[in-house]
């Protein structure tokens, strides 16, 4: 591509953030999460082996909270419109 040239780049979900994994969606007791969570709240948990995991709250009722550990873009094909604005020599 040359300066000023435009192109569209598509990345299939499998090569981007992967497919959605239903096993990453869990329902936990309301007492297991901080008070005041609502749909869209981002939570972080530590696994037994010390890894950090991010979750998004996708459902809330009086007794349970549903959390989703999938990346927000999992399962989606990505499409980027790009324009070359500068070429640098290294």
PDB file of N, CA and C in Angstrom:
ATOM      1  N   UNK A   1       0.841  -1.182   0.000  1.00  0.00           N
ATOM      2  CA  UNK A   1       0.000   0.000   0.000  1.00  0.00           C
ATOM      3  C   UNK A   1       0.883   1.241   0.000  1.00  0.00           C
ATOM      4  N   UNK A   2       0.381   2.304  -0.574  1.00  0.00           N
ATOM      5  CA  UNK A   2       1.101   3.568  -0.663  1.00  0.00           C
ATOM      6  C   UNK A   2       0.385   4.621   0.182  1.00  0.00           C
ATOM      7  N   UNK A   3       1.089   5.717   0.445  1.00  0.00           N
ATOM      8  CA  UNK A   3       0.498   6.808   1.225  1.00  0.00           C
ATOM      9  C   UNK A   3      -0.798   7.261   0.555  1.00  0.00           C
ATOM     10  N   UNK A   4      -1.838   7.417   1.368  1.00  0.00           N
ATOM     11  CA  UNK A   4      -3.151   7.832   0.883  1.00  0.00           C
ATOM     12  C   UNK A   4      -4.041   6.675   0.451  1.00  0.00           C
ATOM     13  N   UNK A   5      -3.468   5.502   0.302  1.00  0.00           N
ATOM     14  CA  UNK A   5      -4.252   4.348  -0.125  1.00  0.00           C
ATOM     15  C   UNK A   5      -5.114   3.836   1.032  1.00  0.00           C
ATOM     16  N   UNK A   6      -6.339   3.447   0.712  1.00  0.00           N
ATOM     17  CA  UNK A   6      -7.262   2.920   1.714  1.00  0.00           C
ATOM     18  C   UNK A   6      -7.538   1.455   1.415  1.00  0.00           C
ATOM     19  N   UNK A   7      -7.816   0.696   2.484  1.00  0.00           N
ATOM     20  CA  UNK A   7      -8.114  -0.715   2.329  1.00  0.00           C
ATOM     21  C   UNK A   7      -8.981  -1.158   3.496  1.00  0.00           C
ATOM     22  N   UNK A   8      -9.721  -2.216   3.301  1.00  0.00           N
ATOM     23  CA  UNK A   8     -10.509  -2.806   4.372  1.00  0.00           C
ATOM     24  C   UNK A   8      -9.870  -4.137   4.746  1.00  0.00           C
ATOM     25  N   UNK A   9      -9.637  -4.317   6.039  1.00  0.00           N
ATOM     26  CA  UNK A   9      -9.026  -5.545   6.546  1.00  0.00           C
ATOM     27  C   UNK A   9     -10.070  -6.252   7.414  1.00  0.00           C
ATOM     28  N   UNK A  10     -10.318  -7.513   7.109  1.00  0.00           N
ATOM     29  CA  UNK A  10     -11.273  -8.313   7.886  1.00  0.00           C
ATOM     30  C   UNK A  10     -10.524  -9.421   8.604  1.00  0.00           C
ATOM     31  N   UNK A  11     -10.862  -9.609   9.882  1.00  0.00           N
ATOM     32  CA  UNK A  11     -10.258 -10.666  10.684  1.00  0.00           C
ATOM     33  C   UNK A  11     -11.405 -11.523  11.225  1.00  0.00           C
ATOM     34  N   UNK A  12     -11.453 -12.800  10.828  1.00  0.00           N
ATOM     35  CA  UNK A  12     -12.526 -13.654  11.337  1.00  0.00           C
ATOM     36  C   UNK A  12     -12.397 -13.852  12.842  1.00  0.00           C
ATOM     37  N   UNK A  13     -13.515 -14.072  13.495  1.00  0.00           N
ATOM     38  CA  UNK A  13     -13.556 -14.221  14.951  1.00  0.00           C
ATOM     39  C   UNK A  13     -12.532 -15.230  15.461  1.00  0.00           C
ATOM     40  N   UNK A  14     -12.368 -16.328  14.742  1.00  0.00           N
ATOM     41  CA  UNK A  14     -11.453 -17.374  15.181  1.00  0.00           C
ATOM     42  C   UNK A  14     -10.007 -16.884  15.255  1.00  0.00           C
ATOM     43  N   UNK A  15      -9.663 -15.888  14.444  1.00  0.00           N
ATOM     44  CA  UNK A  15      -8.301 -15.352  14.435  1.00  0.00           C
ATOM     45  C   UNK A  15      -8.184 -14.078  15.273  1.00  0.00           C
ATOM     46  N   UNK A  16      -9.296 -13.589  15.777  1.00  0.00           N
ATOM     47  CA  UNK A  16      -9.293 -12.370  16.593  1.00  0.00           C
ATOM     48  C   UNK A  16      -9.373 -12.775  18.067  1.00  0.00           C
ATOM     49  N   UNK A  17     -10.538 -12.679  18.667  1.00  0.00           N
ATOM     50  CA  UNK A  17     -10.717 -13.014  20.080  1.00  0.00           C
ATOM     51  C   UNK A  17     -11.337 -14.393  20.277  1.00  0.00           C
ATOM     52  N   UNK A  18     -11.453 -15.146  19.210  1.00  0.00           N
ATOM     53  CA  UNK A  18     -11.987 -16.497  19.304  1.00  0.00           C
ATOM     54  C   UNK A  18     -13.506 -16.532  19.329  1.00  0.00           C
ATOM     55  N   UNK A  19     -14.008 -17.736  19.329  1.00  0.00           N
ATOM     56  CA  UNK A  19     -15.457 -17.930  19.398  1.00  0.00           C
ATOM     57  C   UNK A  19     -15.925 -17.747  20.828  1.00  0.00           C
ATOM     58  N   UNK A  20     -17.194 -17.414  20.984  1.00  0.00           N
ATOM     59  CA  UNK A  20     -17.773 -17.352  22.335  1.00  0.00           C
ATOM     60  C   UNK A  20     -17.770 -18.754  22.915  1.00  0.00           C
ATOM     61  N   UNK A  21     -17.492 -18.829  24.187  1.00  0.00           N
ATOM     62  CA  UNK A  21     -17.453 -20.105  24.896  1.00  0.00           C
ATOM     63  C   UNK A  21     -18.505 -20.071  25.990  1.00  0.00           C
ATOM     64  N   UNK A  22     -19.584 -20.833  25.801  1.00  0.00           N
ATOM     65  CA  UNK A  22     -20.680 -20.836  26.778  1.00  0.00           C
ATOM     66  C   UNK A  22     -20.218 -21.295  28.160  1.00  0.00           C
ATOM     67  N   UNK A  23     -19.121 -22.041  28.226  1.00  0.00           N
ATOM     68  CA  UNK A  23     -18.601 -22.489  29.523  1.00  0.00           C
ATOM     69  C   UNK A  23     -18.046 -21.319  30.340  1.00  0.00           C
ATOM     70  N   UNK A  24     -17.807 -20.169  29.688  1.00  0.00           N
ATOM     71  CA  UNK A  24     -17.297 -18.983  30.378  1.00  0.00           C
ATOM     72  C   UNK A  24     -18.416 -18.172  31.038  1.00  0.00           C
ATOM     73  N   UNK A  25     -19.656 -18.596  30.852  1.00  0.00           N
ATOM     74  CA  UNK A  25     -20.812 -17.922  31.464  1.00  0.00           C
ATOM     75  C   UNK A  25     -21.216 -18.728  32.691  1.00  0.00           C
ATOM     76  N   UNK A  26     -21.242 -18.061  33.835  1.00  0.00           N
ATOM     77  CA  UNK A  26     -21.557 -18.750  35.089  1.00  0.00           C
ATOM     78  C   UNK A  26     -22.577 -17.947  35.886  1.00  0.00           C
ATOM     79  N   UNK A  27     -23.348 -18.660  36.673  1.00  0.00           N
ATOM     80  CA  UNK A  27     -24.271 -18.014  37.599  1.00  0.00           C
ATOM     81  C   UNK A  27     -23.769 -18.296  39.003  1.00  0.00           C
ATOM     82  N   UNK A  28     -23.615 -17.237  39.791  1.00  0.00           N
ATOM     83  CA  UNK A  28     -23.067 -17.362  41.142  1.00  0.00           C
ATOM     84  C   UNK A  28     -24.047 -16.734  42.136  1.00  0.00           C
ATOM     85  N   UNK A  29     -23.948 -17.128  43.416  1.00  0.00           N
ATOM     86  CA  UNK A  29     -24.810 -16.498  44.421  1.00  0.00           C
ATOM     87  C   UNK A  29     -24.518 -15.004  44.518  1.00  0.00           C
ATOM     88  N   UNK A  30     -25.544 -14.237  44.755  1.00  0.00           N
ATOM     89  CA  UNK A  30     -25.392 -12.780  44.870  1.00  0.00           C
ATOM     90  C   UNK A  30     -24.357 -12.423  45.949  1.00  0.00           C
ATOM     91  N   UNK A  31     -24.255 -13.237  46.974  1.00  0.00           N
ATOM     92  CA  UNK A  31     -23.300 -12.980  48.058  1.00  0.00           C
ATOM     93  C   UNK A  31     -21.850 -13.129  47.610  1.00  0.00           C
ATOM     94  N   UNK A  32     -21.604 -13.720  46.439  1.00  0.00           N
ATOM     95  CA  UNK A  32     -20.243 -13.937  45.949  1.00  0.00           C
ATOM     96  C   UNK A  32     -19.677 -12.721  45.219  1.00  0.00           C
ATOM     97  N   UNK A  33     -20.496 -11.693  45.003  1.00  0.00           N
ATOM     98  CA  UNK A  33     -20.042 -10.500  44.280  1.00  0.00           C
ATOM     99  C   UNK A  33     -20.278  -9.268  45.150  1.00  0.00           C
ATOM    100  N   UNK A  34     -19.564  -8.182  44.869  1.00  0.00           N
ATOM    101  CA  UNK A  34     -19.762  -6.968  45.669  1.00  0.00           C
ATOM    102  C   UNK A  34     -21.191  -6.427  45.559  1.00  0.00           C
ATOM    103  N   UNK A  35     -21.634  -5.774  46.606  1.00  0.00           N
ATOM    104  CA  UNK A  35     -22.961  -5.151  46.605  1.00  0.00           C
ATOM    105  C   UNK A  35     -23.023  -4.081  45.519  1.00  0.00           C
ATOM    106  N   UNK A  36     -24.190  -3.902  44.955  1.00  0.00           N
ATOM    107  CA  UNK A  36     -24.399  -2.832  43.982  1.00  0.00           C
ATOM    108  C   UNK A  36     -24.060  -3.186  42.554  1.00  0.00           C
ATOM    109  N   UNK A  37     -23.682  -4.433  42.269  1.00  0.00           N
ATOM    110  CA  UNK A  37     -23.379  -4.769  40.876  1.00  0.00           C
ATOM    111  C   UNK A  37     -24.652  -4.699  40.050  1.00  0.00           C
ATOM    112  N   UNK A  38     -24.490  -4.358  38.791  1.00  0.00           N
ATOM    113  CA  UNK A  38     -25.613  -4.305  37.866  1.00  0.00           C
ATOM    114  C   UNK A  38     -25.123  -4.791  36.517  1.00  0.00           C
ATOM    115  N   UNK A  39     -26.030  -5.014  35.602  1.00  0.00           N
ATOM    116  CA  UNK A  39     -25.655  -5.489  34.273  1.00  0.00           C
ATOM    117  C   UNK A  39     -24.659  -4.506  33.663  1.00  0.00           C
ATOM    118  N   UNK A  40     -23.564  -5.065  33.153  1.00  0.00           N
ATOM    119  CA  UNK A  40     -22.500  -4.262  32.553  1.00  0.00           C
ATOM    120  C   UNK A  40     -21.322  -4.014  33.486  1.00  0.00           C
ATOM    121  N   UNK A  41     -21.486  -4.286  34.788  1.00  0.00           N
ATOM    122  CA  UNK A  41     -20.388  -4.107  35.734  1.00  0.00           C
ATOM    123  C   UNK A  41     -19.251  -5.057  35.368  1.00  0.00           C
ATOM    124  N   UNK A  42     -18.017  -4.562  35.398  1.00  0.00           N
ATOM    125  CA  UNK A  42     -16.826  -5.377  35.148  1.00  0.00           C
ATOM    126  C   UNK A  42     -16.278  -5.840  36.489  1.00  0.00           C
ATOM    127  N   UNK A  43     -15.994  -7.132  36.591  1.00  0.00           N
ATOM    128  CA  UNK A  43     -15.448  -7.713  37.806  1.00  0.00           C
ATOM    129  C   UNK A  43     -14.144  -8.428  37.479  1.00  0.00           C
ATOM    130  N   UNK A  44     -13.304  -8.604  38.481  1.00  0.00           N
ATOM    131  CA  UNK A  44     -12.068  -9.338  38.306  1.00  0.00           C
ATOM    132  C   UNK A  44     -11.968 -10.357  39.432  1.00  0.00           C
ATOM    133  N   UNK A  45     -11.528 -11.562  39.105  1.00  0.00           N
ATOM    134  CA  UNK A  45     -11.379 -12.618  40.103  1.00  0.00           C
ATOM    135  C   UNK A  45     -10.015 -13.274  39.922  1.00  0.00           C
ATOM    136  N   UNK A  46      -9.535 -13.898  40.986  1.00  0.00           N
ATOM    137  CA  UNK A  46      -8.272 -14.621  40.942  1.00  0.00           C
ATOM    138  C   UNK A  46      -8.576 -16.111  41.032  1.00  0.00           C
ATOM    139  N   UNK A  47      -8.015 -16.885  40.105  1.00  0.00           N
ATOM    140  CA  UNK A  47      -8.229 -18.329  40.110  1.00  0.00           C
ATOM    141  C   UNK A  47      -7.369 -18.982  41.191  1.00  0.00           C
ATOM    142  N   UNK A  48      -7.608 -20.246  41.444  1.00  0.00           N
ATOM    143  CA  UNK A  48      -6.856 -20.980  42.467  1.00  0.00           C
ATOM    144  C   UNK A  48      -5.355 -20.985  42.179  1.00  0.00           C
ATOM    145  N   UNK A  49      -4.987 -20.914  40.882  1.00  0.00           N
ATOM    146  CA  UNK A  49      -3.557 -20.916  40.537  1.00  0.00           C
ATOM    147  C   UNK A  49      -2.985 -19.504  40.383  1.00  0.00           C
ATOM    148  N   UNK A  50      -3.749 -18.481  40.808  1.00  0.00           N
ATOM    149  CA  UNK A  50      -3.242 -17.117  40.842  1.00  0.00           C
ATOM    150  C   UNK A  50      -3.468 -16.274  39.599  1.00  0.00           C
ATOM    151  N   UNK A  51      -4.102 -16.833  38.580  1.00  0.00           N
ATOM    152  CA  UNK A  51      -4.377 -16.049  37.361  1.00  0.00           C
ATOM    153  C   UNK A  51      -5.525 -15.087  37.594  1.00  0.00           C
ATOM    154  N   UNK A  52      -5.458 -13.924  36.944  1.00  0.00           N
ATOM    155  CA  UNK A  52      -6.537 -12.933  37.004  1.00  0.00           C
ATOM    156  C   UNK A  52      -7.500 -13.183  35.849  1.00  0.00           C
ATOM    157  N   UNK A  53      -8.796 -13.137  36.136  1.00  0.00           N
ATOM    158  CA  UNK A  53      -9.821 -13.300  35.110  1.00  0.00           C
ATOM    159  C   UNK A  53     -10.779 -12.130  35.183  1.00  0.00           C
ATOM    160  N   UNK A  54     -11.168 -11.627  34.025  1.00  0.00           N
ATOM    161  CA  UNK A  54     -12.126 -10.518  33.950  1.00  0.00           C
ATOM    162  C   UNK A  54     -13.500 -11.077  33.582  1.00  0.00           C
ATOM    163  N   UNK A  55     -14.527 -10.526  34.193  1.00  0.00           N
ATOM    164  CA  UNK A  55     -15.908 -10.942  33.945  1.00  0.00           C
ATOM    165  C   UNK A  55     -16.774  -9.708  33.759  1.00  0.00           C
ATOM    166  N   UNK A  56     -17.828  -9.858  32.977  1.00  0.00           N
ATOM    167  CA  UNK A  56     -18.842  -8.823  32.831  1.00  0.00           C
ATOM    168  C   UNK A  56     -20.155  -9.377  33.357  1.00  0.00           C
ATOM    169  N   UNK A  57     -20.841  -8.604  34.198  1.00  0.00           N
ATOM    170  CA  UNK A  57     -22.135  -9.027  34.720  1.00  0.00           C
ATOM    171  C   UNK A  57     -23.166  -8.911  33.600  1.00  0.00           C
ATOM    172  N   UNK A  58     -23.850 -10.026  33.327  1.00  0.00           N
ATOM    173  CA  UNK A  58     -24.841 -10.045  32.246  1.00  0.00           C
ATOM    174  C   UNK A  58     -26.259 -10.278  32.745  1.00  0.00           C
ATOM    175  N   UNK A  59     -26.402 -10.578  34.030  1.00  0.00           N
ATOM    176  CA  UNK A  59     -27.730 -10.784  34.591  1.00  0.00           C
ATOM    177  C   UNK A  59     -27.690 -10.673  36.104  1.00  0.00           C
ATOM    178  N   UNK A  60     -28.758 -10.112  36.677  1.00  0.00           N
ATOM    179  CA  UNK A  60     -28.836  -9.928  38.123  1.00  0.00           C
ATOM    180  C   UNK A  60     -30.279 -10.159  38.557  1.00  0.00           C
ATOM    181  N   UNK A  61     -30.450 -10.947  39.626  1.00  0.00           N
ATOM    182  CA  UNK A  61     -31.750 -11.005  40.273  1.00  0.00           C
ATOM    183  C   UNK A  61     -31.516 -10.962  41.788  1.00  0.00           C
ATOM    184  N   UNK A  62     -32.530 -11.184  42.586  1.00  0.00           N
ATOM    185  CA  UNK A  62     -32.400 -11.048  44.033  1.00  0.00           C
ATOM    186  C   UNK A  62     -31.443 -12.063  44.647  1.00  0.00           C
ATOM    187  N   UNK A  63     -31.264 -13.209  43.999  1.00  0.00           N
ATOM    188  CA  UNK A  63     -30.459 -14.273  44.589  1.00  0.00           C
ATOM    189  C   UNK A  63     -29.184 -14.605  43.840  1.00  0.00           C
ATOM    190  N   UNK A  64     -29.141 -14.340  42.531  1.00  0.00           N
ATOM    191  CA  UNK A  64     -28.009 -14.792  41.718  1.00  0.00           C
ATOM    192  C   UNK A  64     -27.530 -13.703  40.767  1.00  0.00           C
ATOM    193  N   UNK A  65     -26.274 -13.857  40.357  1.00  0.00           N
ATOM    194  CA  UNK A  65     -25.668 -12.951  39.386  1.00  0.00           C
ATOM    195  C   UNK A  65     -25.046 -13.810  38.286  1.00  0.00           C
ATOM    196  N   UNK A  66     -25.292 -13.461  37.044  1.00  0.00           N
ATOM    197  CA  UNK A  66     -24.689 -14.166  35.918  1.00  0.00           C
ATOM    198  C   UNK A  66     -23.522 -13.336  35.417  1.00  0.00           C
ATOM    199  N   UNK A  67     -22.363 -14.003  35.277  1.00  0.00           N
ATOM    200  CA  UNK A  67     -21.150 -13.326  34.801  1.00  0.00           C
ATOM    201  C   UNK A  67     -20.646 -14.036  33.553  1.00  0.00           C
ATOM    202  N   UNK A  68     -20.025 -13.271  32.672  1.00  0.00           N
ATOM    203  CA  UNK A  68     -19.517 -13.785  31.400  1.00  0.00           C
ATOM    204  C   UNK A  68     -18.024 -13.496  31.322  1.00  0.00           C
ATOM    205  N   UNK A  69     -17.217 -14.547  31.205  1.00  0.00           N
ATOM    206  CA  UNK A  69     -15.770 -14.400  31.122  1.00  0.00           C
ATOM    207  C   UNK A  69     -15.247 -14.285  29.706  1.00  0.00           C
ATOM    208  N   UNK A  70     -16.128 -14.285  28.715  1.00  0.00           N
ATOM    209  CA  UNK A  70     -15.698 -14.102  27.330  1.00  0.00           C
ATOM    210  C   UNK A  70     -15.265 -12.660  27.099  1.00  0.00           C
ATOM    211  N   UNK A  71     -14.295 -12.470  26.208  1.00  0.00           N
ATOM    212  CA  UNK A  71     -13.939 -11.113  25.798  1.00  0.00           C
ATOM    213  C   UNK A  71     -15.165 -10.496  25.122  1.00  0.00           C
ATOM    214  N   UNK A  72     -15.405  -9.201  25.318  1.00  0.00           N
ATOM    215  CA  UNK A  72     -16.593  -8.570  24.703  1.00  0.00           C
ATOM    216  C   UNK A  72     -16.672  -8.737  23.181  1.00  0.00           C
ATOM    217  N   UNK A  73     -15.543  -8.924  22.507  1.00  0.00           N
ATOM    218  CA  UNK A  73     -15.566  -9.086  21.051  1.00  0.00           C
ATOM    219  C   UNK A  73     -15.472 -10.542  20.609  1.00  0.00           C
ATOM    220  N   UNK A  74     -15.491 -11.475  21.560  1.00  0.00           N
ATOM    221  CA  UNK A  74     -15.452 -12.899  21.195  1.00  0.00           C
ATOM    222  C   UNK A  74     -16.656 -13.232  20.325  1.00  0.00           C
ATOM    223  N   UNK A  75     -16.408 -14.018  19.296  1.00  0.00           N
ATOM    224  CA  UNK A  75     -17.487 -14.432  18.396  1.00  0.00           C
ATOM    225  C   UNK A  75     -17.814 -13.435  17.311  1.00  0.00           C
ATOM    226  N   UNK A  76     -17.114 -12.312  17.284  1.00  0.00           N
ATOM    227  CA  UNK A  76     -17.398 -11.294  16.275  1.00  0.00           C
ATOM    228  C   UNK A  76     -16.238 -11.188  15.288  1.00  0.00           C
ATOM    229  N   UNK A  77     -16.588 -11.117  14.011  1.00  0.00           N
ATOM    230  CA  UNK A  77     -15.588 -10.819  12.997  1.00  0.00           C
ATOM    231  C   UNK A  77     -15.235  -9.342  13.117  1.00  0.00           C
ATOM    232  N   UNK A  78     -13.959  -9.020  12.958  1.00  0.00           N
ATOM    233  CA  UNK A  78     -13.523  -7.632  13.055  1.00  0.00           C
ATOM    234  C   UNK A  78     -13.275  -7.088  11.655  1.00  0.00           C
ATOM    235  N   UNK A  79     -13.700  -5.865  11.409  1.00  0.00           N
ATOM    236  CA  UNK A  79     -13.502  -5.211  10.114  1.00  0.00           C
ATOM    237  C   UNK A  79     -12.922  -3.827  10.378  1.00  0.00           C
ATOM    238  N   UNK A  80     -11.768  -3.557   9.770  1.00  0.00           N
ATOM    239  CA  UNK A  80     -11.088  -2.281   9.931  1.00  0.00           C
ATOM    240  C   UNK A  80     -10.933  -1.610   8.573  1.00  0.00           C
ATOM    241  N   UNK A  81     -11.288  -0.333   8.499  1.00  0.00           N
ATOM    242  CA  UNK A  81     -10.985   0.483   7.323  1.00  0.00           C
ATOM    243  C   UNK A  81      -9.713   1.241   7.652  1.00  0.00           C
ATOM    244  N   UNK A  82      -8.653   1.011   6.884  1.00  0.00           N
ATOM    245  CA  UNK A  82      -7.352   1.621   7.173  1.00  0.00           C
ATOM    246  C   UNK A  82      -6.905   2.500   6.018  1.00  0.00           C
ATOM    247  N   UNK A  83      -6.194   3.558   6.360  1.00  0.00           N
ATOM    248  CA  UNK A  83      -5.595   4.458   5.380  1.00  0.00           C
ATOM    249  C   UNK A  83      -4.137   4.647   5.756  1.00  0.00           C
ATOM    250  N   UNK A  84      -3.246   4.477   4.792  1.00  0.00           N
ATOM    251  CA  UNK A  84      -1.826   4.711   5.029  1.00  0.00           C
ATOM    252  C   UNK A  84      -1.596   6.222   5.071  1.00  0.00           C
ATOM    253  N   UNK A  85      -1.094   6.708   6.190  1.00  0.00           N
ATOM    254  CA  UNK A  85      -0.848   8.151   6.325  1.00  0.00           C
ATOM    255  C   UNK A  85       0.629   8.481   6.280  1.00  0.00           C
ATOM    256  N   UNK A  86       1.484   7.498   6.555  1.00  0.00           N
ATOM    257  CA  UNK A  86       2.923   7.751   6.554  1.00  0.00           C
ATOM    258  C   UNK A  86       3.645   6.410   6.468  1.00  0.00           C
ATOM    259  N   UNK A  87       4.766   6.407   5.792  1.00  0.00           N
ATOM    260  CA  UNK A  87       5.620   5.225   5.737  1.00  0.00           C
ATOM    261  C   UNK A  87       6.957   5.607   6.331  1.00  0.00           C
ATOM    262  N   UNK A  88       7.369   4.868   7.360  1.00  0.00           N
ATOM    263  CA  UNK A  88       8.630   5.154   8.036  1.00  0.00           C
ATOM    264  C   UNK A  88       9.666   4.094   7.649  1.00  0.00           C
ATOM    265  N   UNK A  89      10.871   4.532   7.424  1.00  0.00           N
ATOM    266  CA  UNK A  89      11.965   3.618   7.149  1.00  0.00           C
ATOM    267  C   UNK A  89      12.634   3.242   8.450  1.00  0.00           C
ATOM    268  N   UNK A  90      12.919   1.948   8.641  1.00  0.00           N
ATOM    269  CA  UNK A  90      13.587   1.540   9.887  1.00  0.00           C
ATOM    270  C   UNK A  90      14.997   1.076   9.615  1.00  0.00           C
TER     271      UNK A  90
END
